[in-house]
Amino acid sequence: MSLDSLKARIPDYAKDLKLNLGSVIGNSDLPAQQLWGTVLSTAIASRSPIVLRELEPEAKANLSPEAYQAAKAAAAVMAMNNVFYRTRHLLSDHEYGSLRAGLRMNVIGNPGVDKVDFEYWSFAVSAINGCGMCLDSHEQVLRKAGLERDVIQEAFKIAAVIQAVAATLDAEAALAE
């Protein structure tokens, strides 16, 4: 199971996705840990068993054990935070913003890897989950850490392509049943 195997599963009508997948992962200039942590965390966030099964082994092979766990932790904590903060933002009663969240998210403060990498993965997962507040928050941290916009954009390009591949392959699997 690998990137090539995943690309081979993409139907001809979605050729652009196949090309984009090869480009955003196969031709990325990101450091390996940033890239493969983004791939793993967004594969988890895509909720696609097909995509996760195909990409996880290659991600695991390219990440340290600490980075592997941290990328999974980013997907987990952002699954919670994205729902919470997106809902808080969407409610017309802004008083919810003054209430204490009361949710544990200690991993954000101590992820076990470089904080910038964890923020990058959290940002990418937030793109899939569509939480504007989290996107803004993580983008600001990344910009303050010195990442340029083009590097930050790579995170949501990867997220967009992985999400599109997941939607396409899961639809094909459902239609084949």
C-alpha atoms as a PDB file:
ATOM      1  CA  MET A   1       0.000   0.000   0.000  1.00  0.00           C
ATOM      2  CA  SER A   2       1.389   3.334  -1.032  1.00  0.00           C
ATOM      3  CA  LEU A   3       0.913   6.597  -2.821  1.00  0.00           C
ATOM      4  CA  ASP A   4       1.244   4.786  -6.152  1.00  0.00           C
ATOM      5  CA  SER A   5      -1.356   2.239  -5.132  1.00  0.00           C
ATOM      6  CA  LEU A   6      -3.758   5.009  -4.126  1.00  0.00           C
ATOM      7  CA  LYS A   7      -3.193   6.844  -7.412  1.00  0.00           C
ATOM      8  CA  ALA A   8      -3.906   3.632  -9.324  1.00  0.00           C
ATOM      9  CA  ARG A   9      -7.326   3.403  -7.645  1.00  0.00           C
ATOM     10  CA  ILE A  10      -8.443   6.840  -8.834  1.00  0.00           C
ATOM     11  CA  PRO A  11     -10.877   6.545 -11.759  1.00  0.00           C
ATOM     12  CA  ASP A  12     -10.125   8.129 -15.130  1.00  0.00           C
ATOM     13  CA  TYR A  13     -12.802  10.812 -14.701  1.00  0.00           C
ATOM     14  CA  ALA A  14     -10.784  12.110 -11.722  1.00  0.00           C
ATOM     15  CA  LYS A  15      -7.432  12.212 -13.527  1.00  0.00           C
ATOM     16  CA  ASP A  16      -6.805  15.715 -12.180  1.00  0.00           C
ATOM     17  CA  LEU A  17      -6.916  14.322  -8.647  1.00  0.00           C
ATOM     18  CA  LYS A  18      -4.384  11.643  -9.573  1.00  0.00           C
ATOM     19  CA  LEU A  19      -2.039  14.276 -10.988  1.00  0.00           C
ATOM     20  CA  ASN A  20      -2.573  16.598  -8.035  1.00  0.00           C
ATOM     21  CA  LEU A  21      -1.959  13.802  -5.544  1.00  0.00           C
ATOM     22  CA  GLY A  22       1.339  13.006  -7.212  1.00  0.00           C
ATOM     23  CA  SER A  23       2.242  16.673  -7.228  1.00  0.00           C
ATOM     24  CA  VAL A  24       1.346  17.702  -3.666  1.00  0.00           C
ATOM     25  CA  ILE A  25       2.904  14.614  -2.098  1.00  0.00           C
ATOM     26  CA  GLY A  26       5.371  13.237  -4.609  1.00  0.00           C
ATOM     27  CA  ASN A  27       6.889  16.573  -5.627  1.00  0.00           C
ATOM     28  CA  SER A  28       6.634  18.441  -2.339  1.00  0.00           C
ATOM     29  CA  ASP A  29       9.448  20.660  -1.095  1.00  0.00           C
ATOM     30  CA  LEU A  30       8.242  20.339   2.498  1.00  0.00           C
ATOM     31  CA  PRO A  31      10.542  18.643   5.006  1.00  0.00           C
ATOM     32  CA  ALA A  32       9.641  14.948   5.246  1.00  0.00           C
ATOM     33  CA  GLN A  33       8.197  15.231   8.766  1.00  0.00           C
ATOM     34  CA  GLN A  34       5.957  18.163   7.853  1.00  0.00           C
ATOM     35  CA  LEU A  35       4.833  16.474   4.654  1.00  0.00           C
ATOM     36  CA  TRP A  36       4.096  13.005   5.990  1.00  0.00           C
ATOM     37  CA  GLY A  37       2.548  14.308   9.207  1.00  0.00           C
ATOM     38  CA  THR A  38       0.229  16.414   7.057  1.00  0.00           C
ATOM     39  CA  VAL A  39      -0.560  13.418   4.865  1.00  0.00           C
ATOM     40  CA  LEU A  40      -1.345  11.203   7.857  1.00  0.00           C
ATOM     41  CA  SER A  41      -3.375  13.760   9.815  1.00  0.00           C
ATOM     42  CA  THR A  42      -5.449  14.737   6.776  1.00  0.00           C
ATOM     43  CA  ALA A  43      -5.950  11.106   5.744  1.00  0.00           C
ATOM     44  CA  ILE A  44      -7.403  10.513   9.200  1.00  0.00           C
ATOM     45  CA  ALA A  45      -9.502  13.688   8.965  1.00  0.00           C
ATOM     46  CA  SER A  46     -10.856  12.595   5.568  1.00  0.00           C
ATOM     47  CA  ARG A  47     -12.575   9.704   7.365  1.00  0.00           C
ATOM     48  CA  SER A  48     -11.869   7.454   4.394  1.00  0.00           C
ATOM     49  CA  PRO A  49     -10.768   3.921   5.251  1.00  0.00           C
ATOM     50  CA  ILE A  50      -9.453   3.506   1.700  1.00  0.00           C
ATOM     51  CA  VAL A  51      -7.258   6.607   1.813  1.00  0.00           C
ATOM     52  CA  LEU A  52      -6.032   5.907   5.326  1.00  0.00           C
ATOM     53  CA  ARG A  53      -5.150   2.284   4.563  1.00  0.00           C
ATOM     54  CA  GLU A  54      -3.196   3.316   1.472  1.00  0.00           C
ATOM     55  CA  LEU A  55      -1.282   6.271   2.935  1.00  0.00           C
ATOM     56  CA  GLU A  56      -0.698   5.267   6.573  1.00  0.00           C
ATOM     57  CA  PRO A  57       2.096   2.718   5.955  1.00  0.00           C
ATOM     58  CA  GLU A  58       4.135   5.168   3.886  1.00  0.00           C
ATOM     59  CA  ALA A  59       3.529   7.946   6.390  1.00  0.00           C
ATOM     60  CA  LYS A  60       4.591   5.673   9.248  1.00  0.00           C
ATOM     61  CA  ALA A  61       7.768   4.730   7.362  1.00  0.00           C
ATOM     62  CA  ASN A  62       8.646   8.402   6.853  1.00  0.00           C
ATOM     63  CA  LEU A  63       7.904   9.636  10.386  1.00  0.00           C
ATOM     64  CA  SER A  64       9.629   9.092  13.691  1.00  0.00           C
ATOM     65  CA  PRO A  65       7.453   7.237  16.215  1.00  0.00           C
ATOM     66  CA  GLU A  66       6.936  10.554  18.040  1.00  0.00           C
ATOM     67  CA  ALA A  67       5.878  12.367  14.877  1.00  0.00           C
ATOM     68  CA  TYR A  68       3.584   9.495  13.891  1.00  0.00           C
ATOM     69  CA  GLN A  69       1.785   9.724  17.247  1.00  0.00           C
ATOM     70  CA  ALA A  70       1.701  13.530  17.138  1.00  0.00           C
ATOM     71  CA  ALA A  71       0.141  13.582  13.662  1.00  0.00           C
ATOM     72  CA  LYS A  72      -2.581  11.224  14.872  1.00  0.00           C
ATOM     73  CA  ALA A  73      -3.008  13.396  17.971  1.00  0.00           C
ATOM     74  CA  ALA A  74      -3.408  16.500  15.776  1.00  0.00           C
ATOM     75  CA  ALA A  75      -6.195  14.780  13.843  1.00  0.00           C
ATOM     76  CA  ALA A  76      -7.870  13.680  17.076  1.00  0.00           C
ATOM     77  CA  VAL A  77      -7.774  16.940  18.986  1.00  0.00           C
ATOM     78  CA  MET A  78      -8.729  18.992  15.950  1.00  0.00           C
ATOM     79  CA  ALA A  79     -11.733  16.737  15.285  1.00  0.00           C
ATOM     80  CA  MET A  80     -13.006  17.946  18.645  1.00  0.00           C
ATOM     81  CA  ASN A  81     -11.793  21.550  18.477  1.00  0.00           C
ATOM     82  CA  ASN A  82     -13.049  22.156  14.958  1.00  0.00           C
ATOM     83  CA  VAL A  83     -16.590  21.194  15.906  1.00  0.00           C
ATOM     84  CA  PHE A  84     -16.477  23.152  19.168  1.00  0.00           C
ATOM     85  CA  TYR A  85     -14.954  26.372  17.830  1.00  0.00           C
ATOM     86  CA  ARG A  86     -16.820  26.314  14.511  1.00  0.00           C
ATOM     87  CA  THR A  87     -20.110  25.974  16.420  1.00  0.00           C
ATOM     88  CA  ARG A  88     -19.169  28.721  18.848  1.00  0.00           C
ATOM     89  CA  HIS A  89     -18.350  30.981  15.907  1.00  0.00           C
ATOM     90  CA  LEU A  90     -21.527  30.175  13.963  1.00  0.00           C
ATOM     91  CA  LEU A  91     -23.915  30.812  16.833  1.00  0.00           C
ATOM     92  CA  SER A  92     -25.473  34.255  16.686  1.00  0.00           C
ATOM     93  CA  ASP A  93     -25.237  34.497  20.485  1.00  0.00           C
ATOM     94  CA  HIS A  94     -21.611  35.628  20.867  1.00  0.00           C
ATOM     95  CA  GLU A  95     -21.770  35.211  24.652  1.00  0.00           C
ATOM     96  CA  TYR A  96     -20.676  31.590  24.126  1.00  0.00           C
ATOM     97  CA  GLY A  97     -17.271  33.012  23.236  1.00  0.00           C
ATOM     98  CA  SER A  98     -16.883  34.299  26.780  1.00  0.00           C
ATOM     99  CA  LEU A  99     -17.550  30.908  28.371  1.00  0.00           C
ATOM    100  CA  ARG A 100     -14.729  28.596  29.405  1.00  0.00           C
ATOM    101  CA  ALA A 101     -14.303  25.754  26.902  1.00  0.00           C
ATOM    102  CA  GLY A 102     -13.620  23.169  29.615  1.00  0.00           C
ATOM    103  CA  LEU A 103     -12.190  20.696  27.097  1.00  0.00           C
ATOM    104  CA  ARG A 104      -8.825  19.023  27.504  1.00  0.00           C
ATOM    105  CA  MET A 105      -6.395  19.781  24.716  1.00  0.00           C
ATOM    106  CA  ASN A 106      -3.051  19.434  26.496  1.00  0.00           C
ATOM    107  CA  VAL A 107      -1.421  17.858  23.445  1.00  0.00           C
ATOM    108  CA  ILE A 108      -1.422  21.246  21.704  1.00  0.00           C
ATOM    109  CA  GLY A 109       0.912  22.634  24.356  1.00  0.00           C
ATOM    110  CA  ASN A 110       3.134  19.555  24.486  1.00  0.00           C
ATOM    111  CA  PRO A 111       2.809  17.528  21.267  1.00  0.00           C
ATOM    112  CA  GLY A 112       6.121  15.661  21.561  1.00  0.00           C
ATOM    113  CA  VAL A 113       7.414  17.135  18.275  1.00  0.00           C
ATOM    114  CA  ASP A 114       8.380  20.552  16.973  1.00  0.00           C
ATOM    115  CA  LYS A 115       5.462  22.863  17.759  1.00  0.00           C
ATOM    116  CA  VAL A 116       5.492  24.296  14.234  1.00  0.00           C
ATOM    117  CA  ASP A 117       4.957  20.843  12.728  1.00  0.00           C
ATOM    118  CA  PHE A 118       2.055  20.148  15.082  1.00  0.00           C
ATOM    119  CA  GLU A 119       0.494  23.524  14.276  1.00  0.00           C
ATOM    120  CA  TYR A 120       0.928  22.780  10.569  1.00  0.00           C
ATOM    121  CA  TRP A 121      -0.898  19.469  10.896  1.00  0.00           C
ATOM    122  CA  SER A 122      -3.623  21.067  13.022  1.00  0.00           C
ATOM    123  CA  PHE A 123      -4.036  23.759  10.370  1.00  0.00           C
ATOM    124  CA  ALA A 124      -4.386  21.144   7.594  1.00  0.00           C
ATOM    125  CA  VAL A 125      -6.966  19.148   9.564  1.00  0.00           C
ATOM    126  CA  SER A 126      -8.883  22.370  10.252  1.00  0.00           C
ATOM    127  CA  ALA A 127      -9.020  22.981   6.497  1.00  0.00           C
ATOM    128  CA  ILE A 128     -10.746  19.633   5.983  1.00  0.00           C
ATOM    129  CA  ASN A 129     -13.083  20.208   8.900  1.00  0.00           C
ATOM    130  CA  GLY A 130     -13.892  23.763   7.819  1.00  0.00           C
ATOM    131  CA  CYS A 131     -13.276  25.660  11.039  1.00  0.00           C
ATOM    132  CA  GLY A 132     -12.445  29.280  10.236  1.00  0.00           C
ATOM    133  CA  MET A 133     -11.527  30.163  13.809  1.00  0.00           C
ATOM    134  CA  CYS A 134      -9.037  27.300  14.024  1.00  0.00           C
ATOM    135  CA  LEU A 135      -7.638  28.063  10.577  1.00  0.00           C
ATOM    136  CA  ASP A 136      -7.021  31.688  11.564  1.00  0.00           C
ATOM    137  CA  SER A 137      -5.515  30.745  14.910  1.00  0.00           C
ATOM    138  CA  HIS A 138      -3.092  28.142  13.541  1.00  0.00           C
ATOM    139  CA  GLU A 139      -2.206  30.278  10.505  1.00  0.00           C
ATOM    140  CA  GLN A 140      -1.236  33.153  12.797  1.00  0.00           C
ATOM    141  CA  VAL A 141       1.021  30.866  14.852  1.00  0.00           C
ATOM    142  CA  LEU A 142       2.649  29.543  11.683  1.00  0.00           C
ATOM    143  CA  ARG A 143       3.198  33.051  10.294  1.00  0.00           C
ATOM    144  CA  LYS A 144       4.719  34.199  13.618  1.00  0.00           C
ATOM    145  CA  ALA A 145       7.035  31.178  13.442  1.00  0.00           C
ATOM    146  CA  GLY A 146       8.317  32.472  10.107  1.00  0.00           C
ATOM    147  CA  LEU A 147       6.481  30.266   7.606  1.00  0.00           C
ATOM    148  CA  GLU A 148       5.709  31.993   4.339  1.00  0.00           C
ATOM    149  CA  ARG A 149       2.256  31.943   2.801  1.00  0.00           C
ATOM    150  CA  ASP A 150       3.291  29.591   0.002  1.00  0.00           C
ATOM    151  CA  VAL A 151       4.494  27.024   2.552  1.00  0.00           C
ATOM    152  CA  ILE A 152       1.293  27.384   4.573  1.00  0.00           C
ATOM    153  CA  GLN A 153      -0.761  27.032   1.396  1.00  0.00           C
ATOM    154  CA  GLU A 154       0.871  23.636   0.798  1.00  0.00           C
ATOM    155  CA  ALA A 155      -0.936  22.364   3.908  1.00  0.00           C
ATOM    156  CA  PHE A 156      -4.364  23.174   2.565  1.00  0.00           C
ATOM    157  CA  LYS A 157      -3.453  22.010  -0.934  1.00  0.00           C
ATOM    158  CA  ILE A 158      -2.580  18.611   0.543  1.00  0.00           C
ATOM    159  CA  ALA A 159      -5.782  18.670   2.610  1.00  0.00           C
ATOM    160  CA  ALA A 160      -7.899  19.596  -0.418  1.00  0.00           C
ATOM    161  CA  VAL A 161      -6.465  16.854  -2.614  1.00  0.00           C
ATOM    162  CA  ILE A 162      -6.648  14.152   0.048  1.00  0.00           C
ATOM    163  CA  GLN A 163     -10.247  15.097   0.864  1.00  0.00           C
ATOM    164  CA  ALA A 164     -11.210  15.036  -2.830  1.00  0.00           C
ATOM    165  CA  VAL A 165      -9.524  11.661  -3.361  1.00  0.00           C
ATOM    166  CA  ALA A 166     -11.326  10.332  -0.279  1.00  0.00           C
ATOM    167  CA  ALA A 167     -14.719  11.545  -1.489  1.00  0.00           C
ATOM    168  CA  THR A 168     -14.133  10.093  -4.948  1.00  0.00           C
ATOM    169  CA  LEU A 169     -12.885   6.682  -3.834  1.00  0.00           C
ATOM    170  CA  ASP A 170     -15.519   6.309  -1.126  1.00  0.00           C
ATOM    171  CA  ALA A 171     -18.228   7.168  -3.673  1.00  0.00           C
ATOM    172  CA  GLU A 172     -16.813   4.609  -6.110  1.00  0.00           C
ATOM    173  CA  ALA A 173     -16.769   1.972  -3.347  1.00  0.00           C
ATOM    174  CA  ALA A 174     -20.377   2.735  -2.453  1.00  0.00           C
ATOM    175  CA  LEU A 175     -21.474   2.562  -6.094  1.00  0.00           C
ATOM    176  CA  ALA A 176     -19.722  -0.799  -6.511  1.00  0.00           C
ATOM    177  CA  GLU A 177     -21.733  -2.383  -3.680  1.00  0.00           C
END
